Amino acid sequence: MSLVHRFLHGLLAAGLSSACLTTFAADDPVYGPELEGFTYPYPVQQYQFTSQGIPLHMAYMDVMPNIPNGRTVVLMHGKNFCGATWASSIDVLSRAGYRVIAPDQIGFCKSSKPEHYQYTFQQLAANTHALLESIGVSRATVIGHSTGGMLAVRYGLLYPQQTEQLALVNPIGLEDWKALGVPSLGVDKWHARELQTSADKIRNYEKSTYYVNQWKPEYEPWVQMLAGMYRGPGKQIVAWNSALLYDMIYTQPVVYEFPLLKMPVLLLIGTKDTTAIGKDAAPAEIRPQLGKYAELGKRTAKAIPHATLVEFDDLGHAPQMQDPARFHEALLKGLSAK
């Protein structure tokens, strides 16, 4: 039984209908700063290492296929996601013969949240590369969603010989927000904003941006996954790391380096997406021009030398969660056609 189904089954077994699921869940789980108490769909291992003089651990799932096809896929989660949110993709990919590795990056989910860390996409890519080396993976296809798409691009630029293929699922960073007029909030303002995080705010944002103003009960565990850390004793360190990560995303665009990618790149784009970091803080006249994925996907495909674009005209920021069957059909086709 998948993580989502276990979560829903427990609530329904307690006599709760799906109609009242949101109200119940909004008051419920409390998780530790490293998502203690939240169950992942596969066993979680920890890669122990030292970075910037700090002992750290990086959580990851390593799922072996029953009938291997000889390829390894690394899944890179987004800013408001975790390795666990790849649950259905892990199932599909492993059944198709791929070894699947799904890490939680430092600062996220079940991994370390240091008090002081200079977050860069180069650093996160290096951390991931070291993890893969430690488990004997020398070459992989890297699939990145949202912020994970920015990280996947950086990984491909740093380690082109070890990157067989990139697949980017509604990656952010397809435009340079600061160059377009989005003001810099800085870490302190991001931190203050993150301290106001709640399940209702998460749910409302995800409904409008990820799921095109549609909502299903199976989305709720992912809301509670995030909100539960902000209800717990680690709220301050969770919010602080989140602020540092938002500043990294804003200040380190990858859009200018797309022409340098040497490997095949599969772009999977829900065109109803409107994601742009800091858009709500931008001048009113700028906001409508930001995060227009119906245009950004096509522009990005032209900028990348070996790109294949697949568009989902009715889906938003998380097509792999909004319509898993259609998304995974396109993903498997695109991976096999490299």
C-alpha atoms as a PDB file:
ATOM      1  CA  MET A   1       0.000   0.000   0.000  1.00  0.00           C
ATOM      2  CA  SER A   2       1.423   3.399  -0.983  1.00  0.00           C
ATOM      3  CA  LEU A   3       2.111   6.218   1.473  1.00  0.00           C
ATOM      4  CA  VAL A   4      -0.885   8.176   0.219  1.00  0.00           C
ATOM      5  CA  HIS A   5      -3.195   5.199   0.505  1.00  0.00           C
ATOM      6  CA  ARG A   6      -1.939   4.356   4.003  1.00  0.00           C
ATOM      7  CA  PHE A   7      -2.594   7.938   5.109  1.00  0.00           C
ATOM      8  CA  LEU A   8      -6.089   8.003   3.643  1.00  0.00           C
ATOM      9  CA  HIS A   9      -6.922   4.495   4.823  1.00  0.00           C
ATOM     10  CA  GLY A  10      -6.095   5.441   8.401  1.00  0.00           C
ATOM     11  CA  LEU A  11      -8.385   8.447   8.303  1.00  0.00           C
ATOM     12  CA  LEU A  12     -11.231   6.581   6.641  1.00  0.00           C
ATOM     13  CA  ALA A  13     -10.874   3.709   9.088  1.00  0.00           C
ATOM     14  CA  ALA A  14     -11.460   6.234  11.849  1.00  0.00           C
ATOM     15  CA  GLY A  15     -14.845   6.995  10.307  1.00  0.00           C
ATOM     16  CA  LEU A  16     -13.897  10.109   8.395  1.00  0.00           C
ATOM     17  CA  SER A  17     -15.222  10.757   4.914  1.00  0.00           C
ATOM     18  CA  SER A  18     -13.049  12.366   2.255  1.00  0.00           C
ATOM     19  CA  ALA A  19     -15.274  15.455   2.508  1.00  0.00           C
ATOM     20  CA  CYS A  20     -14.068  16.170   6.033  1.00  0.00           C
ATOM     21  CA  LEU A  21     -10.484  15.074   5.439  1.00  0.00           C
ATOM     22  CA  THR A  22      -9.087  18.578   5.034  1.00  0.00           C
ATOM     23  CA  THR A  23     -10.641  19.918   8.238  1.00  0.00           C
ATOM     24  CA  PHE A  24      -9.339  16.994  10.268  1.00  0.00           C
ATOM     25  CA  ALA A  25      -5.857  16.987   8.810  1.00  0.00           C
ATOM     26  CA  ALA A  26      -5.348  20.726   9.206  1.00  0.00           C
ATOM     27  CA  ASP A  27      -5.354  20.281  12.999  1.00  0.00           C
ATOM     28  CA  ASP A  28      -3.416  17.065  13.232  1.00  0.00           C
ATOM     29  CA  PRO A  29       0.138  15.909  12.617  1.00  0.00           C
ATOM     30  CA  VAL A  30       3.197  17.321  14.325  1.00  0.00           C
ATOM     31  CA  TYR A  31       6.551  16.319  12.867  1.00  0.00           C
ATOM     32  CA  GLY A  32      10.111  16.912  13.969  1.00  0.00           C
ATOM     33  CA  PRO A  33      12.561  19.195  12.141  1.00  0.00           C
ATOM     34  CA  GLU A  34      13.756  16.225  10.078  1.00  0.00           C
ATOM     35  CA  LEU A  35      10.248  14.968   9.406  1.00  0.00           C
ATOM     36  CA  GLU A  36      10.402  12.552  12.322  1.00  0.00           C
ATOM     37  CA  GLY A  37       7.063  10.780  12.506  1.00  0.00           C
ATOM     38  CA  PHE A  38       6.292  10.969   8.792  1.00  0.00           C
ATOM     39  CA  THR A  39       6.514   7.620   6.990  1.00  0.00           C
ATOM     40  CA  TYR A  40       8.183   7.344   3.593  1.00  0.00           C
ATOM     41  CA  PRO A  41       7.004   4.814   0.983  1.00  0.00           C
ATOM     42  CA  TYR A  42      10.352   2.950   0.969  1.00  0.00           C
ATOM     43  CA  PRO A  43      13.121   2.447   3.543  1.00  0.00           C
ATOM     44  CA  VAL A  44      15.154   5.580   4.215  1.00  0.00           C
ATOM     45  CA  GLN A  45      18.932   5.411   4.395  1.00  0.00           C
ATOM     46  CA  GLN A  46      21.334   8.140   5.509  1.00  0.00           C
ATOM     47  CA  TYR A  47      24.500   9.276   3.766  1.00  0.00           C
ATOM     48  CA  GLN A  48      26.840  10.713   6.410  1.00  0.00           C
ATOM     49  CA  PHE A  49      29.381  13.303   5.270  1.00  0.00           C
ATOM     50  CA  THR A  50      31.057  16.578   6.213  1.00  0.00           C
ATOM     51  CA  SER A  51      30.446  19.762   4.250  1.00  0.00           C
ATOM     52  CA  GLN A  52      31.548  23.309   5.059  1.00  0.00           C
ATOM     53  CA  GLY A  53      33.045  21.920   8.282  1.00  0.00           C
ATOM     54  CA  ILE A  54      29.710  20.523   9.481  1.00  0.00           C
ATOM     55  CA  PRO A  55      28.795  16.834   9.967  1.00  0.00           C
ATOM     56  CA  LEU A  56      25.622  16.281   7.924  1.00  0.00           C
ATOM     57  CA  HIS A  57      23.343  13.453   6.891  1.00  0.00           C
ATOM     58  CA  MET A  58      21.429  13.199   3.642  1.00  0.00           C
ATOM     59  CA  ALA A  59      18.348  10.983   3.615  1.00  0.00           C
ATOM     60  CA  TYR A  60      17.630   8.925   0.516  1.00  0.00           C
ATOM     61  CA  MET A  61      15.605   6.013  -0.796  1.00  0.00           C
ATOM     62  CA  ASP A  62      17.356   3.495  -3.042  1.00  0.00           C
ATOM     63  CA  VAL A  63      14.815   1.243  -4.763  1.00  0.00           C
ATOM     64  CA  MET A  64      16.018  -1.708  -6.809  1.00  0.00           C
ATOM     65  CA  PRO A  65      13.899  -3.061  -9.681  1.00  0.00           C
ATOM     66  CA  ASN A  66      12.868  -6.710  -9.900  1.00  0.00           C
ATOM     67  CA  ILE A  67      14.038  -6.893 -13.519  1.00  0.00           C
ATOM     68  CA  PRO A  68      16.814  -4.307 -14.048  1.00  0.00           C
ATOM     69  CA  ASN A  69      17.154  -2.512 -17.373  1.00  0.00           C
ATOM     70  CA  GLY A  70      20.674  -1.348 -16.531  1.00  0.00           C
ATOM     71  CA  ARG A  71      19.773   2.295 -15.923  1.00  0.00           C
ATOM     72  CA  THR A  72      19.614   4.397 -12.770  1.00  0.00           C
ATOM     73  CA  VAL A  73      17.326   7.366 -12.216  1.00  0.00           C
ATOM     74  CA  VAL A  74      17.951  10.067  -9.602  1.00  0.00           C
ATOM     75  CA  LEU A  75      14.886  12.054  -8.543  1.00  0.00           C
ATOM     76  CA  MET A  76      15.397  15.641  -7.378  1.00  0.00           C
ATOM     77  CA  HIS A  77      12.470  17.084  -5.436  1.00  0.00           C
ATOM     78  CA  GLY A  78      11.191  20.659  -5.476  1.00  0.00           C
ATOM     79  CA  LYS A  79      11.198  23.356  -2.809  1.00  0.00           C
ATOM     80  CA  ASN A  80       7.835  22.403  -1.296  1.00  0.00           C
ATOM     81  CA  PHE A  81       8.322  18.694  -1.883  1.00  0.00           C
ATOM     82  CA  CYS A  82      10.333  15.774  -0.492  1.00  0.00           C
ATOM     83  CA  GLY A  83      11.651  12.460  -1.697  1.00  0.00           C
ATOM     84  CA  ALA A  84       8.367  10.934  -0.527  1.00  0.00           C
ATOM     85  CA  THR A  85       6.329  13.007  -2.959  1.00  0.00           C
ATOM     86  CA  TRP A  86       7.924  10.977  -5.760  1.00  0.00           C
ATOM     87  CA  ALA A  87       6.115   7.861  -4.446  1.00  0.00           C
ATOM     88  CA  SER A  88       4.088   7.065  -7.562  1.00  0.00           C
ATOM     89  CA  SER A  89       7.025   7.869  -9.864  1.00  0.00           C
ATOM     90  CA  ILE A  90       9.285   5.522  -7.903  1.00  0.00           C
ATOM     91  CA  ASP A  91       6.705   2.746  -8.290  1.00  0.00           C
ATOM     92  CA  VAL A  92       6.362   3.276 -12.046  1.00  0.00           C
ATOM     93  CA  LEU A  93      10.078   3.643 -12.746  1.00  0.00           C
ATOM     94  CA  SER A  94      11.136   0.643 -10.666  1.00  0.00           C
ATOM     95  CA  ARG A  95       8.507  -1.530 -12.352  1.00  0.00           C
ATOM     96  CA  ALA A  96       9.968  -0.396 -15.687  1.00  0.00           C
ATOM     97  CA  GLY A  97      13.390  -1.693 -14.640  1.00  0.00           C
ATOM     98  CA  TYR A  98      15.102   1.462 -13.355  1.00  0.00           C
ATOM     99  CA  ARG A  99      17.051   1.631 -10.132  1.00  0.00           C
ATOM    100  CA  VAL A 100      15.564   4.700  -8.453  1.00  0.00           C
ATOM    101  CA  ILE A 101      17.380   6.935  -5.975  1.00  0.00           C
ATOM    102  CA  ALA A 102      15.362   9.688  -4.322  1.00  0.00           C
ATOM    103  CA  PRO A 103      17.335  11.900  -1.923  1.00  0.00           C
ATOM    104  CA  ASP A 104      16.185  14.667   0.365  1.00  0.00           C
ATOM    105  CA  GLN A 105      18.596  17.533  -0.197  1.00  0.00           C
ATOM    106  CA  ILE A 106      20.312  19.150   2.784  1.00  0.00           C
ATOM    107  CA  GLY A 107      17.899  21.650   4.332  1.00  0.00           C
ATOM    108  CA  PHE A 108      14.842  19.613   3.350  1.00  0.00           C
ATOM    109  CA  CYS A 109      12.591  16.979   4.839  1.00  0.00           C
ATOM    110  CA  LYS A 110      14.490  14.100   6.537  1.00  0.00           C
ATOM    111  CA  SER A 111      17.964  15.546   5.927  1.00  0.00           C
ATOM    112  CA  SER A 112      20.081  17.824   8.114  1.00  0.00           C
ATOM    113  CA  LYS A 113      19.050  21.433   8.629  1.00  0.00           C
ATOM    114  CA  PRO A 114      22.240  23.228   9.671  1.00  0.00           C
ATOM    115  CA  GLU A 115      22.174  26.535  11.509  1.00  0.00           C
ATOM    116  CA  HIS A 116      24.759  27.974   9.111  1.00  0.00           C
ATOM    117  CA  TYR A 117      25.260  26.753   5.556  1.00  0.00           C
ATOM    118  CA  GLN A 118      26.028  28.540   2.323  1.00  0.00           C
ATOM    119  CA  TYR A 119      23.419  27.061   0.014  1.00  0.00           C
ATOM    120  CA  THR A 120      24.323  26.957  -3.647  1.00  0.00           C
ATOM    121  CA  PHE A 121      23.115  24.710  -6.428  1.00  0.00           C
ATOM    122  CA  GLN A 122      26.759  23.753  -6.941  1.00  0.00           C
ATOM    123  CA  GLN A 123      26.974  22.586  -3.326  1.00  0.00           C
ATOM    124  CA  LEU A 124      23.761  20.573  -3.501  1.00  0.00           C
ATOM    125  CA  ALA A 125      24.889  18.997  -6.773  1.00  0.00           C
ATOM    126  CA  ALA A 126      28.255  18.099  -5.227  1.00  0.00           C
ATOM    127  CA  ASN A 127      26.488  16.571  -2.218  1.00  0.00           C
ATOM    128  CA  THR A 128      24.323  14.469  -4.530  1.00  0.00           C
ATOM    129  CA  HIS A 129      27.306  13.414  -6.637  1.00  0.00           C
ATOM    130  CA  ALA A 130      29.155  12.284  -3.502  1.00  0.00           C
ATOM    131  CA  LEU A 131      26.102  10.310  -2.362  1.00  0.00           C
ATOM    132  CA  LEU A 132      25.897   8.540  -5.733  1.00  0.00           C
ATOM    133  CA  GLU A 133      29.600   7.728  -5.666  1.00  0.00           C
ATOM    134  CA  SER A 134      29.213   6.254  -2.177  1.00  0.00           C
ATOM    135  CA  ILE A 135      26.610   3.752  -3.425  1.00  0.00           C
ATOM    136  CA  GLY A 136      28.406   2.858  -6.635  1.00  0.00           C
ATOM    137  CA  VAL A 137      26.432   4.938  -9.154  1.00  0.00           C
ATOM    138  CA  SER A 138      28.759   6.371 -11.790  1.00  0.00           C
ATOM    139  CA  ARG A 139      26.194   7.407 -14.406  1.00  0.00           C
ATOM    140  CA  ALA A 140      22.507   8.251 -14.106  1.00  0.00           C
ATOM    141  CA  THR A 141      19.500   9.910 -15.646  1.00  0.00           C
ATOM    142  CA  VAL A 142      18.520  12.874 -13.469  1.00  0.00           C
ATOM    143  CA  ILE A 143      14.876  13.879 -13.151  1.00  0.00           C
ATOM    144  CA  GLY A 144      14.233  17.217 -11.466  1.00  0.00           C
ATOM    145  CA  HIS A 145      10.923  18.809 -10.547  1.00  0.00           C
ATOM    146  CA  SER A 146      10.416  22.502  -9.713  1.00  0.00           C
ATOM    147  CA  THR A 147      13.509  23.678  -7.777  1.00  0.00           C
ATOM    148  CA  GLY A 148      14.867  20.194  -8.387  1.00  0.00           C
ATOM    149  CA  GLY A 149      14.868  21.131 -12.062  1.00  0.00           C
ATOM    150  CA  MET A 150      17.295  23.973 -11.368  1.00  0.00           C
ATOM    151  CA  LEU A 151      19.453  21.562  -9.381  1.00  0.00           C
ATOM    152  CA  ALA A 152      19.288  18.940 -12.145  1.00  0.00           C
ATOM    153  CA  VAL A 153      20.500  21.523 -14.675  1.00  0.00           C
ATOM    154  CA  ARG A 154      23.389  22.481 -12.406  1.00  0.00           C
ATOM    155  CA  TYR A 155      24.203  18.792 -11.888  1.00  0.00           C
ATOM    156  CA  GLY A 156      24.252  18.215 -15.645  1.00  0.00           C
ATOM    157  CA  LEU A 157      26.543  21.203 -16.169  1.00  0.00           C
ATOM    158  CA  LEU A 158      28.967  20.106 -13.446  1.00  0.00           C
ATOM    159  CA  TYR A 159      28.928  16.383 -14.248  1.00  0.00           C
ATOM    160  CA  PRO A 160      28.137  15.989 -17.951  1.00  0.00           C
ATOM    161  CA  GLN A 161      29.961  12.665 -18.270  1.00  0.00           C
ATOM    162  CA  GLN A 162      27.992  11.175 -15.391  1.00  0.00           C
ATOM    163  CA  THR A 163      24.631  12.492 -16.627  1.00  0.00           C
ATOM    164  CA  GLU A 164      23.039  10.205 -19.194  1.00  0.00           C
ATOM    165  CA  GLN A 165      19.910  12.308 -19.647  1.00  0.00           C
ATOM    166  CA  LEU A 166      17.984  15.090 -17.922  1.00  0.00           C
ATOM    167  CA  ALA A 167      14.223  15.165 -17.476  1.00  0.00           C
ATOM    168  CA  LEU A 168      12.873  18.465 -16.176  1.00  0.00           C
ATOM    169  CA  VAL A 169       9.327  18.531 -14.784  1.00  0.00           C
ATOM    170  CA  ASN A 170       7.988  22.081 -14.589  1.00  0.00           C
ATOM    171  CA  PRO A 171      11.391  23.348 -13.522  1.00  0.00           C
ATOM    172  CA  ILE A 172      11.543  26.793 -12.044  1.00  0.00           C
ATOM    173  CA  GLY A 173      14.306  29.186 -13.037  1.00  0.00           C
ATOM    174  CA  LEU A 174      13.230  29.334 -16.669  1.00  0.00           C
ATOM    175  CA  GLU A 175      13.411  33.119 -16.284  1.00  0.00           C
ATOM    176  CA  ASP A 176      15.558  35.444 -14.165  1.00  0.00           C
ATOM    177  CA  TRP A 177      13.096  36.999 -11.735  1.00  0.00           C
ATOM    178  CA  LYS A 178      15.451  39.626 -10.355  1.00  0.00           C
ATOM    179  CA  ALA A 179      16.310  40.809 -13.864  1.00  0.00           C
ATOM    180  CA  LEU A 180      12.586  41.062 -14.607  1.00  0.00           C
ATOM    181  CA  GLY A 181      11.947  43.335 -11.615  1.00  0.00           C
ATOM    182  CA  VAL A 182      11.026  41.014  -8.750  1.00  0.00           C
ATOM    183  CA  PRO A 183      12.497  42.670  -5.649  1.00  0.00           C
ATOM    184  CA  SER A 184      15.011  40.876  -3.439  1.00  0.00           C
ATOM    185  CA  LEU A 185      13.446  39.937  -0.114  1.00  0.00           C
ATOM    186  CA  GLY A 186      16.675  38.783   1.519  1.00  0.00           C
ATOM    187  CA  VAL A 187      16.994  36.026   4.100  1.00  0.00           C
ATOM    188  CA  ASP A 188      15.432  37.929   7.018  1.00  0.00           C
ATOM    189  CA  LYS A 189      12.230  38.744   5.161  1.00  0.00           C
ATOM    190  CA  TRP A 190      12.007  35.212   3.792  1.00  0.00           C
ATOM    191  CA  HIS A 191      12.434  33.915   7.332  1.00  0.00           C
ATOM    192  CA  ALA A 192       9.641  36.129   8.663  1.00  0.00           C
ATOM    193  CA  ARG A 193       7.363  34.913   5.863  1.00  0.00           C
ATOM    194  CA  GLU A 194       8.225  31.270   6.467  1.00  0.00           C
ATOM    195  CA  LEU A 195       7.358  31.575  10.171  1.00  0.00           C
ATOM    196  CA  GLN A 196       3.778  32.329   9.062  1.00  0.00           C
ATOM    197  CA  THR A 197       3.481  29.004   7.230  1.00  0.00           C
ATOM    198  CA  SER A 198       0.254  27.068   7.875  1.00  0.00           C
ATOM    199  CA  ALA A 199      -1.608  24.153   6.321  1.00  0.00           C
ATOM    200  CA  ASP A 200      -4.266  26.498   4.963  1.00  0.00           C
ATOM    201  CA  LYS A 201      -1.680  28.709   3.247  1.00  0.00           C
ATOM    202  CA  ILE A 202       0.109  25.707   1.792  1.00  0.00           C
ATOM    203  CA  ARG A 203      -3.137  24.144   0.587  1.00  0.00           C
ATOM    204  CA  ASN A 204      -4.457  27.331  -1.004  1.00  0.00           C
ATOM    205  CA  TYR A 205      -1.190  27.933  -2.845  1.00  0.00           C
ATOM    206  CA  GLU A 206      -0.900  24.363  -4.053  1.00  0.00           C
ATOM    207  CA  LYS A 207      -4.517  24.239  -5.171  1.00  0.00           C
ATOM    208  CA  SER A 208      -4.161  27.335  -7.349  1.00  0.00           C
ATOM    209  CA  THR A 209      -0.662  26.685  -8.711  1.00  0.00           C
ATOM    210  CA  TYR A 210      -0.022  22.945  -8.638  1.00  0.00           C
ATOM    211  CA  TYR A 211      -3.486  21.625  -9.437  1.00  0.00           C
ATOM    212  CA  VAL A 212      -5.215  24.369 -11.462  1.00  0.00           C
ATOM    213  CA  ASN A 213      -7.821  25.118  -8.760  1.00  0.00           C
ATOM    214  CA  GLN A 214      -8.756  21.461  -8.350  1.00  0.00           C
ATOM    215  CA  TRP A 215      -8.349  19.468  -5.159  1.00  0.00           C
ATOM    216  CA  LYS A 216      -8.304  15.760  -4.363  1.00  0.00           C
ATOM    217  CA  PRO A 217      -7.981  14.052  -0.974  1.00  0.00           C
ATOM    218  CA  GLU A 218      -4.753  12.364  -2.074  1.00  0.00           C
ATOM    219  CA  TYR A 219      -3.016  15.759  -2.160  1.00  0.00           C
ATOM    220  CA  GLU A 220      -3.620  16.360   1.547  1.00  0.00           C
ATOM    221  CA  PRO A 221      -0.771  14.213   2.948  1.00  0.00           C
ATOM    222  CA  TRP A 222       1.725  16.409   1.136  1.00  0.00           C
ATOM    223  CA  VAL A 223       0.220  19.527   2.719  1.00  0.00           C
ATOM    224  CA  GLN A 224       0.487  17.950   6.156  1.00  0.00           C
ATOM    225  CA  MET A 225       4.013  16.737   5.456  1.00  0.00           C
ATOM    226  CA  LEU A 226       5.146  20.360   5.196  1.00  0.00           C
ATOM    227  CA  ALA A 227       2.803  21.933   7.733  1.00  0.00           C
ATOM    228  CA  GLY A 228       3.625  19.307  10.361  1.00  0.00           C
ATOM    229  CA  MET A 229       7.247  20.496  10.581  1.00  0.00           C
ATOM    230  CA  TYR A 230       6.022  24.041  11.269  1.00  0.00           C
ATOM    231  CA  ARG A 231       3.810  22.773  14.102  1.00  0.00           C
ATOM    232  CA  GLY A 232       6.702  20.949  15.729  1.00  0.00           C
ATOM    233  CA  PRO A 233       9.605  21.868  18.001  1.00  0.00           C
ATOM    234  CA  GLY A 234      11.898  22.498  15.027  1.00  0.00           C
ATOM    235  CA  LYS A 235       9.801  25.286  13.500  1.00  0.00           C
ATOM    236  CA  GLN A 236      12.545  27.904  13.794  1.00  0.00           C
ATOM    237  CA  ILE A 237      15.317  25.863  12.175  1.00  0.00           C
ATOM    238  CA  VAL A 238      12.949  24.606   9.470  1.00  0.00           C
ATOM    239  CA  ALA A 239      11.887  28.171   8.644  1.00  0.00           C
ATOM    240  CA  TRP A 240      15.490  29.421   8.733  1.00  0.00           C
ATOM    241  CA  ASN A 241      16.740  26.801   6.283  1.00  0.00           C
ATOM    242  CA  SER A 242      13.738  27.431   4.060  1.00  0.00           C
ATOM    243  CA  ALA A 243      14.620  31.128   3.974  1.00  0.00           C
ATOM    244  CA  LEU A 244      18.231  30.372   3.030  1.00  0.00           C
ATOM    245  CA  LEU A 245      16.997  28.091   0.250  1.00  0.00           C
ATOM    246  CA  TYR A 246      14.583  30.675  -1.139  1.00  0.00           C
ATOM    247  CA  ASP A 247      17.430  33.176  -1.285  1.00  0.00           C
ATOM    248  CA  MET A 248      19.538  30.621  -3.173  1.00  0.00           C
ATOM    249  CA  ILE A 249      16.760  30.071  -5.701  1.00  0.00           C
ATOM    250  CA  TYR A 250      16.247  33.797  -6.265  1.00  0.00           C
ATOM    251  CA  THR A 251      19.928  34.724  -6.572  1.00  0.00           C
ATOM    252  CA  GLN A 252      21.274  31.805  -8.647  1.00  0.00           C
ATOM    253  CA  PRO A 253      19.500  31.603 -12.021  1.00  0.00           C
ATOM    254  CA  VAL A 254      20.427  28.817 -14.431  1.00  0.00           C
ATOM    255  CA  VAL A 255      18.465  30.139 -17.408  1.00  0.00           C
ATOM    256  CA  TYR A 256      21.538  31.657 -19.074  1.00  0.00           C
ATOM    257  CA  GLU A 257      23.347  28.308 -19.179  1.00  0.00           C
ATOM    258  CA  PHE A 258      20.740  26.173 -20.954  1.00  0.00           C
ATOM    259  CA  PRO A 259      22.698  26.295 -24.261  1.00  0.00           C
ATOM    260  CA  LEU A 260      25.644  24.602 -22.507  1.00  0.00           C
ATOM    261  CA  LEU A 261      23.790  21.378 -21.731  1.00  0.00           C
ATOM    262  CA  LYS A 262      25.300  18.520 -23.726  1.00  0.00           C
ATOM    263  CA  MET A 263      22.991  15.610 -22.853  1.00  0.00           C
ATOM    264  CA  PRO A 264      19.451  14.917 -24.115  1.00  0.00           C
ATOM    265  CA  VAL A 265      16.896  16.907 -22.120  1.00  0.00           C
ATOM    266  CA  LEU A 266      13.251  15.944 -21.780  1.00  0.00           C
ATOM    267  CA  LEU A 267      10.983  18.855 -20.786  1.00  0.00           C
ATOM    268  CA  LEU A 268       7.652  17.848 -19.239  1.00  0.00           C
ATOM    269  CA  ILE A 269       5.577  21.000 -18.783  1.00  0.00           C
ATOM    270  CA  GLY A 270       2.133  21.586 -17.336  1.00  0.00           C
ATOM    271  CA  THR A 271       1.283  24.786 -19.192  1.00  0.00           C
ATOM    272  CA  LYS A 272      -1.266  26.043 -16.631  1.00  0.00           C
ATOM    273  CA  ASP A 273       1.586  26.581 -14.179  1.00  0.00           C
ATOM    274  CA  THR A 274       2.213  30.166 -13.033  1.00  0.00           C
ATOM    275  CA  THR A 275       5.042  29.627 -10.536  1.00  0.00           C
ATOM    276  CA  ALA A 276       7.545  32.452 -10.020  1.00  0.00           C
ATOM    277  CA  ILE A 277       9.521  32.931  -6.818  1.00  0.00           C
ATOM    278  CA  GLY A 278       8.622  36.199  -5.081  1.00  0.00           C
ATOM    279  CA  LYS A 279       5.881  37.038  -7.568  1.00  0.00           C
ATOM    280  CA  ASP A 280       3.517  38.205  -4.824  1.00  0.00           C
ATOM    281  CA  ALA A 281       6.119  40.808  -3.771  1.00  0.00           C
ATOM    282  CA  ALA A 282       6.632  42.106  -7.318  1.00  0.00           C
ATOM    283  CA  PRO A 283       5.044  45.325  -8.618  1.00  0.00           C
ATOM    284  CA  ALA A 284       1.484  44.712  -9.809  1.00  0.00           C
ATOM    285  CA  GLU A 285       2.308  45.551 -13.420  1.00  0.00           C
ATOM    286  CA  ILE A 286       5.026  42.837 -13.534  1.00  0.00           C
ATOM    287  CA  ARG A 287       3.156  39.921 -11.967  1.00  0.00           C
ATOM    288  CA  PRO A 288       1.046  38.930 -15.004  1.00  0.00           C
ATOM    289  CA  GLN A 289       4.220  38.504 -17.063  1.00  0.00           C
ATOM    290  CA  LEU A 290       5.887  36.052 -14.653  1.00  0.00           C
ATOM    291  CA  GLY A 291       5.649  32.286 -14.598  1.00  0.00           C
ATOM    292  CA  LYS A 292       3.899  31.877 -17.963  1.00  0.00           C
ATOM    293  CA  TYR A 293       4.799  28.248 -18.563  1.00  0.00           C
ATOM    294  CA  ALA A 294       2.868  28.033 -21.821  1.00  0.00           C
ATOM    295  CA  GLU A 295       5.564  30.369 -23.174  1.00  0.00           C
ATOM    296  CA  LEU A 296       8.500  29.406 -20.960  1.00  0.00           C
ATOM    297  CA  GLY A 297       8.471  25.742 -21.944  1.00  0.00           C
ATOM    298  CA  LYS A 298       8.737  26.537 -25.647  1.00  0.00           C
ATOM    299  CA  ARG A 299      11.414  29.177 -25.060  1.00  0.00           C
ATOM    300  CA  THR A 300      13.467  26.754 -22.965  1.00  0.00           C
ATOM    301  CA  ALA A 301      13.183  23.969 -25.545  1.00  0.00           C
ATOM    302  CA  LYS A 302      14.672  26.322 -28.151  1.00  0.00           C
ATOM    303  CA  ALA A 303      17.538  27.287 -25.835  1.00  0.00           C
ATOM    304  CA  ILE A 304      18.620  23.703 -25.031  1.00  0.00           C
ATOM    305  CA  PRO A 305      20.519  22.001 -27.879  1.00  0.00           C
ATOM    306  CA  HIS A 306      19.053  18.488 -27.512  1.00  0.00           C
ATOM    307  CA  ALA A 307      15.610  19.130 -26.013  1.00  0.00           C
ATOM    308  CA  THR A 308      12.301  17.336 -26.414  1.00  0.00           C
ATOM    309  CA  LEU A 309       9.235  19.220 -25.180  1.00  0.00           C
ATOM    310  CA  VAL A 310       6.097  17.496 -23.937  1.00  0.00           C
ATOM    311  CA  GLU A 311       3.270  19.809 -22.869  1.00  0.00           C
ATOM    312  CA  PHE A 312       0.213  19.043 -20.747  1.00  0.00           C
ATOM    313  CA  ASP A 313      -2.171  21.846 -21.634  1.00  0.00           C
ATOM    314  CA  ASP A 314      -4.595  21.259 -18.743  1.00  0.00           C
ATOM    315  CA  LEU A 315      -2.096  20.618 -15.920  1.00  0.00           C
ATOM    316  CA  GLY A 316      -0.245  22.830 -13.471  1.00  0.00           C
ATOM    317  CA  HIS A 317       3.042  22.809 -11.575  1.00  0.00           C
ATOM    318  CA  ALA A 318       2.948  19.156 -10.502  1.00  0.00           C
ATOM    319  CA  PRO A 319       1.757  17.069 -13.477  1.00  0.00           C
ATOM    320  CA  GLN A 320       3.226  13.896 -11.975  1.00  0.00           C
ATOM    321  CA  MET A 321       0.788  14.256  -9.071  1.00  0.00           C
ATOM    322  CA  GLN A 322      -2.192  15.806 -10.856  1.00  0.00           C
ATOM    323  CA  ASP A 323      -2.417  13.183 -13.616  1.00  0.00           C
ATOM    324  CA  PRO A 324       0.080  10.415 -12.777  1.00  0.00           C
ATOM    325  CA  ALA A 325      -0.973   7.980 -15.511  1.00  0.00           C
ATOM    326  CA  ARG A 326      -0.629  10.466 -18.367  1.00  0.00           C
ATOM    327  CA  PHE A 327       2.551  11.957 -16.959  1.00  0.00           C
ATOM    328  CA  HIS A 328       4.296   8.623 -16.460  1.00  0.00           C
ATOM    329  CA  GLU A 329       3.351   7.407 -19.907  1.00  0.00           C
ATOM    330  CA  ALA A 330       5.082  10.475 -21.364  1.00  0.00           C
ATOM    331  CA  LEU A 331       8.038  10.136 -18.994  1.00  0.00           C
ATOM    332  CA  LEU A 332       8.733   6.484 -19.831  1.00  0.00           C
ATOM    333  CA  LYS A 333       8.422   7.203 -23.547  1.00  0.00           C
ATOM    334  CA  GLY A 334      10.821  10.135 -23.256  1.00  0.00           C
ATOM    335  CA  LEU A 335      13.373   8.180 -21.223  1.00  0.00           C
ATOM    336  CA  SER A 336      13.394   5.324 -23.715  1.00  0.00           C
ATOM    337  CA  ALA A 337      13.874   7.677 -26.672  1.00  0.00           C
ATOM    338  CA  LYS A 338      17.098   9.326 -25.498  1.00  0.00           C
END
